[in-house]
Amino acid sequence: MRRMAPLVAAALILAACSPSDTSAPITPTPQPTPTAPPVSPTEATTAEPTASPTPGLDAVPVYFAGQKVASNAPGLRVRSRPGTDEPVLAILPESADLLVEMGPVLIDGFGWYSVLDSDPDKPEFSKGWVAAGFEPDPFLVPSDFELSYNPYIAGYAHDGDGEFGPVRVVDANHGIRWIAAAPDGNGCAFSVDLRPGSGTAVPTIRATIGGVAAPGDVYAEFFAAHPELIGDLFVMVTSDCSWAVTFVRFQG
């Protein structure tokens, strides 16, 4: 598979809150499937862009965590997870406003982004995954709209090992959202350590991924249990998966 260049992004945000406590490496836990009004069978089979994923992966448009984008094709499907066989949550009109959470993750020949619904018009959904299409006519394009709060401070995505950063974590009210997928569908391993400057790396995520994309979370209590991680961090990934991670600051 062609290696995809690391994606880097940062966006300023506000204050925060946090859940309960653990200091052990995070392992994948079952994730709730996002809900949205049902899509009729007729819509689900006819209202999606049908461009074949033939261009190279270097033609996937690059967006960063917290970036504002819009749909660039009528009938763009929002799915519960990345992949052309995953359940459809919504079918978007052209120019629907979206906020990028993480990605791209490479599945079924497409690059997929997790996006939040930032458009006041219907259809309504909380968040889901959309295929980005390919340059020069992608399914997602940059946009500009009013946003009351942007929680995403940095995001990275790749299809292999790498070291990324630094990311500035100013207090314990932070978390990480991540997803990993086996490019060939036969499984892969995903490991993340966080290293404070030139200090000792802290094991953070250890996951074995099967045939479907697996999402997970690192909650604020992890950072509360590791005060050495407050400050500038480097993200050290060892993986043969296609993966994405996003740092979040929780809103208080």
C-alpha atoms as a PDB file:
ATOM      1  CA  MET A   1       0.000   0.000   0.000  1.00  0.00           C
ATOM      2  CA  ARG A   2       1.232   3.510  -0.712  1.00  0.00           C
ATOM      3  CA  ARG A   3       2.178   5.289   2.510  1.00  0.00           C
ATOM      4  CA  MET A   4       0.066   8.286   3.354  1.00  0.00           C
ATOM      5  CA  ALA A   5       1.873  11.366   4.681  1.00  0.00           C
ATOM      6  CA  PRO A   6       1.113  12.174   8.341  1.00  0.00           C
ATOM      7  CA  LEU A   7      -1.589  14.750   8.902  1.00  0.00           C
ATOM      8  CA  VAL A   8      -1.062  17.436  11.506  1.00  0.00           C
ATOM      9  CA  ALA A   9      -3.473  19.999  12.890  1.00  0.00           C
ATOM     10  CA  ALA A  10      -4.169  22.212  15.862  1.00  0.00           C
ATOM     11  CA  ALA A  11      -7.122  24.400  16.871  1.00  0.00           C
ATOM     12  CA  LEU A  12      -7.533  26.586  19.995  1.00  0.00           C
ATOM     13  CA  ILE A  13     -10.395  25.706  22.331  1.00  0.00           C
ATOM     14  CA  LEU A  14     -11.993  26.529  25.704  1.00  0.00           C
ATOM     15  CA  ALA A  15     -12.181  25.010  29.207  1.00  0.00           C
ATOM     16  CA  ALA A  16     -13.280  21.520  30.225  1.00  0.00           C
ATOM     17  CA  CYS A  17     -14.485  18.669  32.495  1.00  0.00           C
ATOM     18  CA  SER A  18     -13.567  14.968  32.937  1.00  0.00           C
ATOM     19  CA  PRO A  19     -14.982  11.427  33.728  1.00  0.00           C
ATOM     20  CA  SER A  20     -13.585   8.657  36.143  1.00  0.00           C
ATOM     21  CA  ASP A  21     -10.004   7.313  36.820  1.00  0.00           C
ATOM     22  CA  THR A  22      -7.483   4.827  35.402  1.00  0.00           C
ATOM     23  CA  SER A  23      -3.762   4.867  34.738  1.00  0.00           C
ATOM     24  CA  ALA A  24      -3.504   1.652  32.725  1.00  0.00           C
ATOM     25  CA  PRO A  25      -3.051   1.616  28.939  1.00  0.00           C
ATOM     26  CA  ILE A  26      -6.347   1.992  27.162  1.00  0.00           C
ATOM     27  CA  THR A  27      -7.746  -0.977  25.265  1.00  0.00           C
ATOM     28  CA  PRO A  28     -10.680  -0.901  22.838  1.00  0.00           C
ATOM     29  CA  THR A  29     -14.148  -1.024  24.367  1.00  0.00           C
ATOM     30  CA  PRO A  30     -17.494  -1.556  22.632  1.00  0.00           C
ATOM     31  CA  GLN A  31     -18.659   1.704  21.136  1.00  0.00           C
ATOM     32  CA  PRO A  32     -22.301   2.783  20.800  1.00  0.00           C
ATOM     33  CA  THR A  33     -23.485   3.105  17.239  1.00  0.00           C
ATOM     34  CA  PRO A  34     -24.580   6.703  16.526  1.00  0.00           C
ATOM     35  CA  THR A  35     -28.280   7.089  15.964  1.00  0.00           C
ATOM     36  CA  ALA A  36     -30.184   9.169  13.489  1.00  0.00           C
ATOM     37  CA  PRO A  37     -33.574   9.149  11.757  1.00  0.00           C
ATOM     38  CA  PRO A  38     -33.874   6.009   9.620  1.00  0.00           C
ATOM     39  CA  VAL A  39     -33.030   6.189   5.940  1.00  0.00           C
ATOM     40  CA  SER A  40     -35.526   4.625   3.575  1.00  0.00           C
ATOM     41  CA  PRO A  41     -34.363   1.627   1.484  1.00  0.00           C
ATOM     42  CA  THR A  42     -34.920   3.616  -1.708  1.00  0.00           C
ATOM     43  CA  GLU A  43     -32.742   6.501  -0.535  1.00  0.00           C
ATOM     44  CA  ALA A  44     -30.062   4.153   0.777  1.00  0.00           C
ATOM     45  CA  THR A  45     -29.621   2.487  -2.579  1.00  0.00           C
ATOM     46  CA  THR A  46     -29.819   5.483  -4.893  1.00  0.00           C
ATOM     47  CA  ALA A  47     -28.654   8.669  -3.172  1.00  0.00           C
ATOM     48  CA  GLU A  48     -24.887   8.368  -2.868  1.00  0.00           C
ATOM     49  CA  PRO A  49     -22.032   9.520  -5.110  1.00  0.00           C
ATOM     50  CA  THR A  50     -20.912   6.571  -7.206  1.00  0.00           C
ATOM     51  CA  ALA A  51     -17.388   7.617  -8.180  1.00  0.00           C
ATOM     52  CA  SER A  52     -15.207   4.529  -8.350  1.00  0.00           C
ATOM     53  CA  PRO A  53     -12.201   4.563  -5.965  1.00  0.00           C
ATOM     54  CA  THR A  54      -9.663   4.322  -8.777  1.00  0.00           C
ATOM     55  CA  PRO A  55      -7.335   7.318  -8.118  1.00  0.00           C
ATOM     56  CA  GLY A  56      -4.316   6.845  -5.896  1.00  0.00           C
ATOM     57  CA  LEU A  57      -4.536   7.499  -2.165  1.00  0.00           C
ATOM     58  CA  ASP A  58      -2.385  10.587  -2.607  1.00  0.00           C
ATOM     59  CA  ALA A  59      -5.467  12.133  -4.261  1.00  0.00           C
ATOM     60  CA  VAL A  60      -7.499  11.921  -1.017  1.00  0.00           C
ATOM     61  CA  PRO A  61      -8.036  15.511   0.209  1.00  0.00           C
ATOM     62  CA  VAL A  62      -6.255  16.327   3.465  1.00  0.00           C
ATOM     63  CA  TYR A  63      -8.184  17.985   6.316  1.00  0.00           C
ATOM     64  CA  PHE A  64      -7.165  18.438   9.929  1.00  0.00           C
ATOM     65  CA  ALA A  65      -9.010  17.835  13.184  1.00  0.00           C
ATOM     66  CA  GLY A  66     -11.243  20.824  13.873  1.00  0.00           C
ATOM     67  CA  GLN A  67     -11.352  22.016  10.252  1.00  0.00           C
ATOM     68  CA  LYS A  68     -14.642  23.270   8.783  1.00  0.00           C
ATOM     69  CA  VAL A  69     -15.703  21.505   5.577  1.00  0.00           C
ATOM     70  CA  ALA A  70     -18.817  21.092   3.439  1.00  0.00           C
ATOM     71  CA  SER A  71     -20.265  18.330   1.290  1.00  0.00           C
ATOM     72  CA  ASN A  72     -19.434  18.810  -2.381  1.00  0.00           C
ATOM     73  CA  ALA A  73     -21.807  16.223  -3.829  1.00  0.00           C
ATOM     74  CA  PRO A  74     -25.573  15.779  -3.450  1.00  0.00           C
ATOM     75  CA  GLY A  75     -26.398  12.448  -1.826  1.00  0.00           C
ATOM     76  CA  LEU A  76     -23.197  12.045   0.206  1.00  0.00           C
ATOM     77  CA  ARG A  77     -23.846   9.317   2.775  1.00  0.00           C
ATOM     78  CA  VAL A  78     -22.946   9.611   6.445  1.00  0.00           C
ATOM     79  CA  ARG A  79     -22.172   6.166   7.885  1.00  0.00           C
ATOM     80  CA  SER A  80     -21.875   4.844  11.424  1.00  0.00           C
ATOM     81  CA  ARG A  81     -18.282   3.694  10.782  1.00  0.00           C
ATOM     82  CA  PRO A  82     -15.876   4.013   7.851  1.00  0.00           C
ATOM     83  CA  GLY A  83     -16.661   1.599   5.037  1.00  0.00           C
ATOM     84  CA  THR A  84     -19.096   1.243   2.153  1.00  0.00           C
ATOM     85  CA  ASP A  85     -21.019  -1.560   3.895  1.00  0.00           C
ATOM     86  CA  GLU A  86     -21.620   0.291   7.175  1.00  0.00           C
ATOM     87  CA  PRO A  87     -25.132   1.529   8.154  1.00  0.00           C
ATOM     88  CA  VAL A  88     -26.251   4.886   6.728  1.00  0.00           C
ATOM     89  CA  LEU A  89     -27.127   7.579   9.286  1.00  0.00           C
ATOM     90  CA  ALA A  90     -27.995  10.418   6.910  1.00  0.00           C
ATOM     91  CA  ILE A  91     -27.845  11.462   3.260  1.00  0.00           C
ATOM     92  CA  LEU A  92     -26.509  14.979   2.816  1.00  0.00           C
ATOM     93  CA  PRO A  93     -27.399  17.642   0.294  1.00  0.00           C
ATOM     94  CA  GLU A  94     -24.643  19.618  -1.365  1.00  0.00           C
ATOM     95  CA  SER A  95     -23.008  22.357   0.787  1.00  0.00           C
ATOM     96  CA  ALA A  96     -23.932  20.825   4.172  1.00  0.00           C
ATOM     97  CA  ASP A  97     -21.602  22.197   6.877  1.00  0.00           C
ATOM     98  CA  LEU A  98     -19.459  19.661   8.758  1.00  0.00           C
ATOM     99  CA  LEU A  99     -16.681  19.757  11.369  1.00  0.00           C
ATOM    100  CA  VAL A 100     -13.827  17.264  10.949  1.00  0.00           C
ATOM    101  CA  GLU A 101     -13.135  15.135  14.034  1.00  0.00           C
ATOM    102  CA  MET A 102     -10.487  12.744  12.681  1.00  0.00           C
ATOM    103  CA  GLY A 103      -9.154  11.003   9.600  1.00  0.00           C
ATOM    104  CA  PRO A 104      -8.590  10.030   6.937  1.00  0.00           C
ATOM    105  CA  VAL A 105      -8.746   6.285   7.554  1.00  0.00           C
ATOM    106  CA  LEU A 106      -8.243   4.148   4.445  1.00  0.00           C
ATOM    107  CA  ILE A 107     -10.974   1.553   3.894  1.00  0.00           C
ATOM    108  CA  ASP A 108     -12.553   0.135   0.715  1.00  0.00           C
ATOM    109  CA  GLY A 109     -10.270   2.264  -1.437  1.00  0.00           C
ATOM    110  CA  PHE A 110     -11.535   5.554   0.019  1.00  0.00           C
ATOM    111  CA  GLY A 111     -10.231   7.962   2.658  1.00  0.00           C
ATOM    112  CA  TRP A 112     -12.858   8.411   5.396  1.00  0.00           C
ATOM    113  CA  TYR A 113     -13.328  11.293   7.841  1.00  0.00           C
ATOM    114  CA  SER A 114     -15.304  11.376  11.072  1.00  0.00           C
ATOM    115  CA  VAL A 115     -17.411  14.550  10.952  1.00  0.00           C
ATOM    116  CA  LEU A 116     -19.869  16.360  13.221  1.00  0.00           C
ATOM    117  CA  ASP A 117     -23.127  17.823  11.967  1.00  0.00           C
ATOM    118  CA  SER A 118     -22.617  21.609  12.028  1.00  0.00           C
ATOM    119  CA  ASP A 119     -25.510  22.532   9.741  1.00  0.00           C
ATOM    120  CA  PRO A 120     -28.821  23.772  11.212  1.00  0.00           C
ATOM    121  CA  ASP A 121     -30.782  22.315   8.299  1.00  0.00           C
ATOM    122  CA  LYS A 122     -31.892  18.719   7.980  1.00  0.00           C
ATOM    123  CA  PRO A 123     -30.903  15.939   7.876  1.00  0.00           C
ATOM    124  CA  GLU A 124     -29.799  15.888  11.505  1.00  0.00           C
ATOM    125  CA  PHE A 125     -27.198  13.545  12.964  1.00  0.00           C
ATOM    126  CA  SER A 126     -24.631  13.886  15.740  1.00  0.00           C
ATOM    127  CA  LYS A 127     -21.541  12.537  13.996  1.00  0.00           C
ATOM    128  CA  GLY A 128     -20.582   9.890  11.472  1.00  0.00           C
ATOM    129  CA  TRP A 129     -18.126   8.936   8.721  1.00  0.00           C
ATOM    130  CA  VAL A 130     -18.048  10.200   5.144  1.00  0.00           C
ATOM    131  CA  ALA A 131     -15.858   9.300   2.180  1.00  0.00           C
ATOM    132  CA  ALA A 132     -13.738  12.278   1.146  1.00  0.00           C
ATOM    133  CA  GLY A 133     -13.560  11.416  -2.562  1.00  0.00           C
ATOM    134  CA  PHE A 134     -10.523  12.434  -4.613  1.00  0.00           C
ATOM    135  CA  GLU A 135      -8.952  15.581  -5.967  1.00  0.00           C
ATOM    136  CA  PRO A 136      -9.667  17.500  -8.160  1.00  0.00           C
ATOM    137  CA  ASP A 137     -13.395  16.936  -7.470  1.00  0.00           C
ATOM    138  CA  PRO A 138     -13.642  15.589  -3.893  1.00  0.00           C
ATOM    139  CA  PHE A 139     -16.800  14.904  -1.906  1.00  0.00           C
ATOM    140  CA  LEU A 140     -15.585  17.299   0.844  1.00  0.00           C
ATOM    141  CA  VAL A 141     -14.305  20.850   0.368  1.00  0.00           C
ATOM    142  CA  PRO A 142     -13.137  23.569   2.810  1.00  0.00           C
ATOM    143  CA  SER A 143     -15.886  25.758   4.233  1.00  0.00           C
ATOM    144  CA  ASP A 144     -16.374  28.650   6.644  1.00  0.00           C
ATOM    145  CA  PHE A 145     -19.232  29.007   9.114  1.00  0.00           C
ATOM    146  CA  GLU A 146     -19.908  30.154  12.672  1.00  0.00           C
ATOM    147  CA  LEU A 147     -18.926  27.653  15.352  1.00  0.00           C
ATOM    148  CA  SER A 148     -19.635  28.226  19.048  1.00  0.00           C
ATOM    149  CA  TYR A 149     -17.086  25.698  20.313  1.00  0.00           C
ATOM    150  CA  ASN A 150     -14.299  23.665  18.723  1.00  0.00           C
ATOM    151  CA  PRO A 151     -12.912  20.951  21.047  1.00  0.00           C
ATOM    152  CA  TYR A 152     -10.208  19.552  18.758  1.00  0.00           C
ATOM    153  CA  ILE A 153      -6.648  20.672  19.426  1.00  0.00           C
ATOM    154  CA  ALA A 154      -4.620  18.288  17.234  1.00  0.00           C
ATOM    155  CA  GLY A 155      -5.047  15.259  15.021  1.00  0.00           C
ATOM    156  CA  TYR A 156      -2.836  12.774  13.183  1.00  0.00           C
ATOM    157  CA  ALA A 157      -3.510   9.997  10.684  1.00  0.00           C
ATOM    158  CA  HIS A 158      -1.235   7.534   8.917  1.00  0.00           C
ATOM    159  CA  ASP A 159      -1.004   3.928   7.708  1.00  0.00           C
ATOM    160  CA  GLY A 160       2.082   2.838   9.642  1.00  0.00           C
ATOM    161  CA  ASP A 161       4.632   3.771  12.317  1.00  0.00           C
ATOM    162  CA  GLY A 162       5.593   7.327  13.131  1.00  0.00           C
ATOM    163  CA  GLU A 163       6.317  10.017  15.711  1.00  0.00           C
ATOM    164  CA  PHE A 164       4.161  13.152  15.687  1.00  0.00           C
ATOM    165  CA  GLY A 165       3.822  16.380  17.606  1.00  0.00           C
ATOM    166  CA  PRO A 166       4.329  18.193  19.752  1.00  0.00           C
ATOM    167  CA  VAL A 167       0.799  18.497  21.127  1.00  0.00           C
ATOM    168  CA  ARG A 168       0.237  20.945  23.980  1.00  0.00           C
ATOM    169  CA  VAL A 169      -1.947  19.529  26.778  1.00  0.00           C
ATOM    170  CA  VAL A 170      -2.544  22.384  29.214  1.00  0.00           C
ATOM    171  CA  ASP A 171      -4.424  20.463  31.927  1.00  0.00           C
ATOM    172  CA  ALA A 172      -5.994  17.091  32.678  1.00  0.00           C
ATOM    173  CA  ASN A 173      -9.292  17.990  30.985  1.00  0.00           C
ATOM    174  CA  HIS A 174      -8.206  16.330  27.757  1.00  0.00           C
ATOM    175  CA  GLY A 175      -8.852  13.053  25.995  1.00  0.00           C
ATOM    176  CA  ILE A 176      -7.979  11.156  22.842  1.00  0.00           C
ATOM    177  CA  ARG A 177     -10.358   9.690  20.278  1.00  0.00           C
ATOM    178  CA  TRP A 178      -8.928   7.118  17.922  1.00  0.00           C
ATOM    179  CA  ILE A 179      -9.756   4.526  15.314  1.00  0.00           C
ATOM    180  CA  ALA A 180      -7.713   1.823  13.598  1.00  0.00           C
ATOM    181  CA  ALA A 181      -8.519  -0.447  10.675  1.00  0.00           C
ATOM    182  CA  ALA A 182      -6.721  -3.279   8.908  1.00  0.00           C
ATOM    183  CA  PRO A 183      -6.078  -2.162   5.303  1.00  0.00           C
ATOM    184  CA  ASP A 184      -6.422  -5.735   4.005  1.00  0.00           C
ATOM    185  CA  GLY A 185      -9.196  -6.744   6.413  1.00  0.00           C
ATOM    186  CA  ASN A 186      -7.039  -9.436   8.019  1.00  0.00           C
ATOM    187  CA  GLY A 187      -6.248  -7.675  11.287  1.00  0.00           C
ATOM    188  CA  CYS A 188      -3.501  -5.380  12.544  1.00  0.00           C
ATOM    189  CA  ALA A 189      -1.980  -4.017  15.759  1.00  0.00           C
ATOM    190  CA  PHE A 190      -2.157  -0.454  17.068  1.00  0.00           C
ATOM    191  CA  SER A 191       0.103   0.903  19.812  1.00  0.00           C
ATOM    192  CA  VAL A 192       0.457   4.495  21.027  1.00  0.00           C
ATOM    193  CA  ASP A 193       2.833   5.971  23.634  1.00  0.00           C
ATOM    194  CA  LEU A 194       2.884   9.589  24.770  1.00  0.00           C
ATOM    195  CA  ARG A 195       6.293  11.081  25.528  1.00  0.00           C
ATOM    196  CA  PRO A 196       6.625  14.360  27.453  1.00  0.00           C
ATOM    197  CA  GLY A 197       9.454  16.259  25.743  1.00  0.00           C
ATOM    198  CA  SER A 198      12.640  14.280  26.307  1.00  0.00           C
ATOM    199  CA  GLY A 199      11.084  12.312  29.200  1.00  0.00           C
ATOM    200  CA  THR A 200       9.982   8.687  29.467  1.00  0.00           C
ATOM    201  CA  ALA A 201       7.209   7.501  27.147  1.00  0.00           C
ATOM    202  CA  VAL A 202       3.936   6.493  28.816  1.00  0.00           C
ATOM    203  CA  PRO A 203       2.044   3.495  27.289  1.00  0.00           C
ATOM    204  CA  THR A 204      -1.353   4.852  26.295  1.00  0.00           C
ATOM    205  CA  ILE A 205      -3.150   2.612  23.764  1.00  0.00           C
ATOM    206  CA  ARG A 206      -2.667  -1.102  23.049  1.00  0.00           C
ATOM    207  CA  ALA A 207      -5.154  -2.640  20.620  1.00  0.00           C
ATOM    208  CA  THR A 208      -5.433  -5.658  18.355  1.00  0.00           C
ATOM    209  CA  ILE A 209      -7.766  -4.908  15.457  1.00  0.00           C
ATOM    210  CA  GLY A 210      -9.795  -7.546  13.637  1.00  0.00           C
ATOM    211  CA  GLY A 211     -11.542  -7.375  10.311  1.00  0.00           C
ATOM    212  CA  VAL A 212     -13.581  -4.228  11.027  1.00  0.00           C
ATOM    213  CA  ALA A 213     -12.547  -0.719  12.060  1.00  0.00           C
ATOM    214  CA  ALA A 214     -12.295  -0.353  15.855  1.00  0.00           C
ATOM    215  CA  PRO A 215     -12.735   3.017  17.605  1.00  0.00           C
ATOM    216  CA  GLY A 216     -11.735   3.860  21.158  1.00  0.00           C
ATOM    217  CA  ASP A 217     -11.234   6.625  23.706  1.00  0.00           C
ATOM    218  CA  VAL A 218      -8.637   7.730  26.239  1.00  0.00           C
ATOM    219  CA  TYR A 219     -10.467   9.704  28.909  1.00  0.00           C
ATOM    220  CA  ALA A 220      -9.437  12.687  31.044  1.00  0.00           C
ATOM    221  CA  GLU A 221      -8.741  10.501  34.083  1.00  0.00           C
ATOM    222  CA  PHE A 222      -5.763   9.041  32.203  1.00  0.00           C
ATOM    223  CA  PHE A 223      -4.154  12.479  32.020  1.00  0.00           C
ATOM    224  CA  ALA A 224      -5.124  13.163  35.645  1.00  0.00           C
ATOM    225  CA  ALA A 225      -3.270   9.972  36.628  1.00  0.00           C
ATOM    226  CA  HIS A 226      -0.204  11.017  34.616  1.00  0.00           C
ATOM    227  CA  PRO A 227       0.607  14.651  35.510  1.00  0.00           C
ATOM    228  CA  GLU A 228       3.927  14.238  33.680  1.00  0.00           C
ATOM    229  CA  LEU A 229       1.885  14.367  30.456  1.00  0.00           C
ATOM    230  CA  ILE A 230       0.711  17.926  31.074  1.00  0.00           C
ATOM    231  CA  GLY A 231       2.693  20.071  28.672  1.00  0.00           C
ATOM    232  CA  ASP A 232       4.153  19.402  25.221  1.00  0.00           C
ATOM    233  CA  LEU A 233       3.764  15.756  24.150  1.00  0.00           C
ATOM    234  CA  PHE A 234       5.058  13.650  21.301  1.00  0.00           C
ATOM    235  CA  VAL A 235       2.828  10.895  19.922  1.00  0.00           C
ATOM    236  CA  MET A 236       4.731   7.685  19.177  1.00  0.00           C
ATOM    237  CA  VAL A 237       2.784   5.159  17.078  1.00  0.00           C
ATOM    238  CA  THR A 238       3.746   1.597  16.217  1.00  0.00           C
ATOM    239  CA  SER A 239       1.162   0.072  13.892  1.00  0.00           C
ATOM    240  CA  ASP A 240       0.476  -1.750  10.641  1.00  0.00           C
ATOM    241  CA  CYS A 241      -3.090  -0.350  10.645  1.00  0.00           C
ATOM    242  CA  SER A 242      -4.592   2.642   8.907  1.00  0.00           C
ATOM    243  CA  TRP A 243      -5.310   4.834  11.924  1.00  0.00           C
ATOM    244  CA  ALA A 244      -6.268   8.274  13.179  1.00  0.00           C
ATOM    245  CA  VAL A 245      -6.027   9.949  16.592  1.00  0.00           C
ATOM    246  CA  THR A 246      -7.442  13.281  17.742  1.00  0.00           C
ATOM    247  CA  PHE A 247      -6.743  15.189  20.942  1.00  0.00           C
ATOM    248  CA  VAL A 248      -9.843  16.724  22.526  1.00  0.00           C
ATOM    249  CA  ARG A 249     -10.235  19.317  25.247  1.00  0.00           C
ATOM    250  CA  PHE A 250     -13.482  18.818  27.108  1.00  0.00           C
ATOM    251  CA  GLN A 251     -15.899  21.711  27.491  1.00  0.00           C
ATOM    252  CA  GLY A 252     -16.846  22.680  31.039  1.00  0.00           C
END
